[in-house]
Amino acid sequence: MGLTTDGMSPADLAAVTGNNNGAFGEGNGAWWIIILFLFIFCGWGNGNGWNNGVGAQVREITERAMRGEIDFRESFKERVALLKGLDVSVMQEIAENLPITEGVERLMRVLKRAGYKIAILSGGFTYFGNYLKHKFGIDYVYANELEIVDGKLTGNYLGEIVDGQRKAELLKLLAQVENVDIAQTIAVGDGANDLPMITVAGLGIAFHAKPKVKQTARQSISTIGLDGVLYFLGFKDSFINEP
């Protein structure tokens, strides 16, 4: 296991990593960060008319897949099938009320100012990924596309499933597109299907991750927000706190 933030303040983390002016740090616009947003369908069925218990089933399957207890591809197909008949308006309602992880807005602001390229590589759905892309100015989104016919989900998906192996492939592809070495990439994830991506990246960080992921990743963040990534990258507080 690598460095963890358990019990550390941001200042402690910066001191331990020695990243006060790290190679990934401020002003190095060629560097990348790949951020995974995993959507667990919290609150589905509350206030949107979908209260038949499907939301709880989807959450349970998702949690098991994140822990690595069941095959991701099979669990994904099972979850998508459960969504059959859901009105697309519910998807919009869910997108607009997604709980945003602590520290995301600060992280996005600093990274965009420093010239980083940012991508979502997600085992979730493009519908939500694209919503966040527009909200935060994210450069790339790769996720799973749900089939919609006559305004309702069919219970099927379109294209290739974005599983763990696909995320690693996409990370390599994006590095080629942006003409950067894979060693210049950063991957942040929390589930078992993030491990291939975290392993192949130059810097892999487990964020509030499942035990299997935290044990495998070289670095981990467990007690602070997603903006804690900035300290791994060597950003100083003076730069982070600029308006």
Protein backbone atom coordinates (compact mmCIF):
# COMPACT_ATOMS: atom_id res chain seq x y z
CA MET A 1 0.00 0.00 0.00
CA GLY A 2 1.21 3.51 -0.78
CA LEU A 3 0.77 6.84 0.89
CA THR A 4 -2.63 7.49 2.47
CA THR A 5 -4.19 10.68 3.76
CA ASP A 6 -5.70 9.03 6.85
CA GLY A 7 -5.45 11.54 9.67
CA MET A 8 -3.49 14.05 7.59
CA SER A 9 -4.23 17.71 7.01
CA PRO A 10 -3.56 19.12 3.52
CA ALA A 11 -0.40 20.78 4.83
CA ASP A 12 0.79 17.46 6.30
CA LEU A 13 0.15 15.74 3.00
CA ALA A 14 2.15 18.31 1.04
CA ALA A 15 5.02 17.96 3.48
CA VAL A 16 5.09 14.16 3.40
CA THR A 17 4.87 13.91 -0.40
CA GLY A 18 7.47 16.61 -0.83
CA ASN A 19 5.25 18.01 -3.55
CA ASN A 20 5.54 21.70 -2.93
CA ASN A 21 6.75 22.15 -6.51
CA GLY A 22 6.14 18.67 -7.86
CA ALA A 23 6.46 17.52 -11.46
CA PHE A 24 2.69 17.37 -11.78
CA GLY A 25 2.24 20.78 -10.17
CA GLU A 26 1.18 24.28 -11.06
CA GLY A 27 1.95 25.66 -14.46
CA ASN A 28 2.63 22.30 -16.12
CA GLY A 29 -0.28 22.43 -18.55
CA ALA A 30 0.83 19.32 -20.44
CA TRP A 31 -0.05 17.09 -17.51
CA TRP A 32 -3.32 15.23 -17.31
CA ILE A 33 -5.74 14.25 -14.68
CA ILE A 34 -8.40 11.61 -15.29
CA ILE A 35 -11.21 11.72 -12.76
CA LEU A 36 -13.78 9.01 -12.26
CA PHE A 37 -17.25 9.96 -11.11
CA LEU A 38 -19.15 6.84 -10.11
CA PHE A 39 -22.88 7.32 -9.88
CA ILE A 40 -24.72 5.27 -7.29
CA PHE A 41 -28.38 6.00 -7.72
CA CYS A 42 -29.02 7.60 -4.37
CA GLY A 43 -32.57 8.79 -3.93
CA TRP A 44 -34.03 7.16 -7.01
CA GLY A 45 -37.71 6.63 -6.41
CA ASN A 46 -38.00 9.57 -4.04
CA GLY A 47 -40.05 12.34 -5.59
CA ASN A 48 -39.84 11.09 -9.16
CA GLY A 49 -42.60 8.49 -9.15
CA TRP A 50 -40.21 5.54 -9.45
CA ASN A 51 -40.82 3.92 -6.09
CA ASN A 52 -41.14 0.25 -6.95
CA GLY A 53 -37.89 -0.83 -5.30
CA VAL A 54 -35.79 -0.88 -8.47
CA GLY A 55 -33.56 1.91 -7.16
CA ALA A 56 -32.57 -0.19 -4.16
CA GLN A 57 -31.79 -3.13 -6.44
CA VAL A 58 -29.59 -0.98 -8.67
CA ARG A 59 -27.71 0.40 -5.64
CA GLU A 60 -27.09 -3.06 -4.23
CA ILE A 61 -25.76 -4.44 -7.53
CA THR A 62 -23.57 -1.36 -8.02
CA GLU A 63 -22.03 -1.65 -4.55
CA ARG A 64 -21.19 -5.33 -5.08
CA ALA A 65 -19.57 -4.58 -8.44
CA MET A 66 -17.51 -1.74 -6.91
CA ARG A 67 -16.24 -4.09 -4.23
CA GLY A 68 -15.21 -6.56 -6.93
CA GLU A 69 -17.60 -9.24 -5.68
CA ILE A 70 -19.33 -9.69 -9.05
CA ASP A 71 -18.30 -9.25 -12.68
CA PHE A 72 -18.72 -5.63 -13.75
CA ARG A 73 -19.98 -6.35 -17.27
CA GLU A 74 -22.66 -8.75 -16.10
CA SER A 75 -23.69 -6.45 -13.27
CA PHE A 76 -23.92 -3.54 -15.72
CA LYS A 77 -26.26 -5.45 -18.04
CA GLU A 78 -28.40 -6.42 -15.07
CA ARG A 79 -28.63 -2.82 -13.86
CA VAL A 80 -29.50 -1.46 -17.30
CA ALA A 81 -32.26 -4.04 -17.74
CA LEU A 82 -33.83 -2.84 -14.48
CA LEU A 83 -34.18 0.66 -15.98
CA LYS A 84 -36.55 -0.47 -18.74
CA GLY A 85 -39.55 1.86 -19.06
CA LEU A 86 -38.03 4.73 -17.07
CA ASP A 87 -38.99 8.10 -18.55
CA VAL A 88 -36.04 10.17 -19.78
CA SER A 89 -37.35 13.16 -17.79
CA VAL A 90 -36.40 11.25 -14.64
CA MET A 91 -32.81 11.08 -15.91
CA GLN A 92 -32.75 14.85 -16.21
CA GLU A 93 -34.15 15.24 -12.69
CA ILE A 94 -31.50 12.89 -11.32
CA ALA A 95 -28.71 14.70 -13.20
CA GLU A 96 -29.78 18.06 -11.81
CA ASN A 97 -29.76 16.69 -8.26
CA LEU A 98 -26.61 14.56 -8.32
CA PRO A 99 -24.72 14.89 -5.04
CA ILE A 100 -21.36 16.44 -5.96
CA THR A 101 -18.35 15.04 -4.16
CA GLU A 102 -16.73 17.42 -1.67
CA GLY A 103 -13.87 19.39 -3.20
CA VAL A 104 -14.84 18.90 -6.87
CA GLU A 105 -15.53 22.56 -7.63
CA ARG A 106 -12.25 23.71 -6.08
CA LEU A 107 -10.32 20.97 -7.88
CA MET A 108 -11.85 21.83 -11.26
CA ARG A 109 -11.21 25.54 -10.81
CA VAL A 110 -7.53 25.08 -9.96
CA LEU A 111 -6.81 22.46 -12.64
CA LYS A 112 -8.48 24.45 -15.40
CA ARG A 113 -6.54 27.56 -14.37
CA ALA A 114 -3.31 25.54 -14.47
CA GLY A 115 -4.07 24.22 -17.96
CA TYR A 116 -4.78 20.58 -17.18
CA LYS A 117 -6.91 18.42 -19.45
CA ILE A 118 -9.66 16.60 -17.57
CA ALA A 119 -11.70 13.54 -18.50
CA ILE A 120 -14.45 11.44 -17.00
CA LEU A 121 -13.93 7.73 -17.64
CA SER A 122 -16.96 6.17 -16.02
CA GLY A 123 -18.77 2.88 -15.76
CA GLY A 124 -21.88 5.04 -15.29
CA PHE A 125 -23.95 6.66 -18.02
CA THR A 126 -23.16 9.32 -20.63
CA TYR A 127 -26.35 11.17 -19.72
CA PHE A 128 -24.88 12.14 -16.35
CA GLY A 129 -21.31 12.45 -17.57
CA ASN A 130 -22.29 14.98 -20.22
CA TYR A 131 -24.27 16.97 -17.66
CA LEU A 132 -21.13 17.26 -15.52
CA LYS A 133 -19.02 18.01 -18.58
CA HIS A 134 -21.06 21.13 -19.25
CA LYS A 135 -21.26 22.07 -15.57
CA PHE A 136 -17.51 21.93 -14.92
CA GLY A 137 -15.96 22.43 -18.36
CA ILE A 138 -14.56 18.89 -18.50
CA ASP A 139 -12.73 18.08 -21.74
CA TYR A 140 -13.70 14.46 -22.40
CA VAL A 141 -16.44 12.07 -21.28
CA TYR A 142 -16.43 8.34 -21.92
CA ALA A 143 -19.23 6.38 -20.28
CA ASN A 144 -22.04 4.01 -21.21
CA GLU A 145 -24.87 5.16 -23.47
CA LEU A 146 -28.40 4.04 -22.68
CA GLU A 147 -30.85 3.32 -25.50
CA ILE A 148 -33.84 5.68 -25.48
CA VAL A 149 -36.94 5.12 -27.65
CA ASP A 150 -39.98 7.41 -27.57
CA GLY A 151 -38.70 9.17 -24.49
CA LYS A 152 -38.19 6.03 -22.39
CA LEU A 153 -35.26 3.76 -21.55
CA THR A 154 -35.47 0.41 -23.32
CA GLY A 155 -33.37 -1.57 -20.84
CA ASN A 156 -30.60 -1.84 -23.43
CA TYR A 157 -27.33 0.03 -24.02
CA LEU A 158 -25.50 1.20 -27.13
CA GLY A 159 -21.87 0.55 -28.03
CA GLU A 160 -19.08 -0.98 -25.98
CA ILE A 161 -19.33 -1.29 -22.19
CA VAL A 162 -16.89 0.98 -20.37
CA ASP A 163 -15.48 -1.51 -17.88
CA GLY A 164 -12.13 -1.54 -16.10
CA GLN A 165 -10.12 -2.71 -19.10
CA ARG A 166 -11.81 -0.19 -21.38
CA LYS A 167 -10.96 2.64 -18.98
CA ALA A 168 -7.27 1.70 -19.13
CA GLU A 169 -7.44 1.58 -22.95
CA LEU A 170 -9.14 4.99 -23.08
CA LEU A 171 -6.51 6.50 -20.78
CA LYS A 172 -3.78 5.32 -23.14
CA LEU A 173 -5.73 6.59 -26.15
CA LEU A 174 -6.27 10.04 -24.64
CA ALA A 175 -2.58 10.30 -23.80
CA GLN A 176 -1.79 9.61 -27.47
CA VAL A 177 -4.38 12.12 -28.68
CA GLU A 178 -2.95 14.82 -26.42
CA ASN A 179 0.63 13.76 -27.24
CA VAL A 180 1.69 13.12 -23.65
CA ASP A 181 3.50 10.14 -22.18
CA ILE A 182 1.37 7.77 -20.10
CA ALA A 183 3.69 8.59 -17.19
CA GLN A 184 2.24 12.12 -17.29
CA THR A 185 -1.29 10.94 -16.56
CA ILE A 186 -3.15 10.85 -13.26
CA ALA A 187 -6.09 8.55 -12.54
CA VAL A 188 -8.43 8.80 -9.57
CA GLY A 189 -10.97 6.11 -8.79
CA ASP A 190 -12.92 4.36 -6.07
CA GLY A 191 -14.16 1.01 -7.38
CA ALA A 192 -12.65 -2.32 -8.43
CA ASN A 193 -13.25 -1.52 -12.10
CA ASP A 194 -10.93 1.49 -11.71
CA LEU A 195 -7.90 -0.62 -10.84
CA PRO A 196 -6.64 -1.15 -14.42
CA MET A 197 -6.77 2.62 -15.03
CA ILE A 198 -5.18 3.46 -11.69
CA THR A 199 -2.41 0.92 -12.29
CA VAL A 200 -1.48 2.10 -15.80
CA ALA A 201 -1.45 5.84 -14.99
CA GLY A 202 1.70 7.67 -13.99
CA LEU A 203 0.00 8.58 -10.71
CA GLY A 204 -2.88 6.41 -9.49
CA ILE A 205 -4.96 7.56 -6.51
CA ALA A 206 -7.70 5.64 -4.70
CA PHE A 207 -10.30 8.13 -3.49
CA HIS A 208 -12.53 7.09 -0.55
CA ALA A 209 -12.21 3.71 -2.19
CA LYS A 210 -13.39 0.19 -1.56
CA PRO A 211 -10.90 -1.90 0.48
CA LYS A 212 -9.61 -3.86 -2.53
CA VAL A 213 -8.82 -0.64 -4.40
CA LYS A 214 -7.20 1.09 -1.44
CA GLN A 215 -4.96 -1.91 -0.80
CA THR A 216 -3.77 -1.99 -4.41
CA ALA A 217 -3.34 1.69 -5.29
CA ARG A 218 0.00 3.35 -4.67
CA GLN A 219 -1.64 6.41 -3.08
CA SER A 220 -5.01 6.96 -1.45
CA ILE A 221 -7.22 9.72 -0.08
CA SER A 222 -9.60 8.67 2.66
CA THR A 223 -10.35 11.59 4.96
CA ILE A 224 -10.47 14.78 2.87
CA GLY A 225 -12.27 15.96 -0.27
CA LEU A 226 -11.35 15.40 -3.89
CA ASP A 227 -9.39 18.65 -3.88
CA GLY A 228 -6.84 16.73 -1.77
CA VAL A 229 -5.54 15.52 -5.15
CA LEU A 230 -4.04 18.99 -5.59
CA TYR A 231 -1.53 18.34 -2.83
CA PHE A 232 -0.37 15.13 -4.49
CA LEU A 233 0.24 17.23 -7.60
CA GLY A 234 2.40 19.73 -5.75
CA PHE A 235 0.15 22.77 -5.76
CA LYS A 236 0.87 25.35 -3.07
CA ASP A 237 -1.90 26.85 -0.95
CA SER A 238 -0.97 30.28 -2.32
CA PHE A 239 -1.85 29.09 -5.83
CA ILE A 240 -4.89 27.03 -4.80
CA ASN A 241 -6.46 29.91 -2.90
CA GLU A 242 -6.09 32.51 -5.62
CA PRO A 243 -9.52 33.86 -6.61
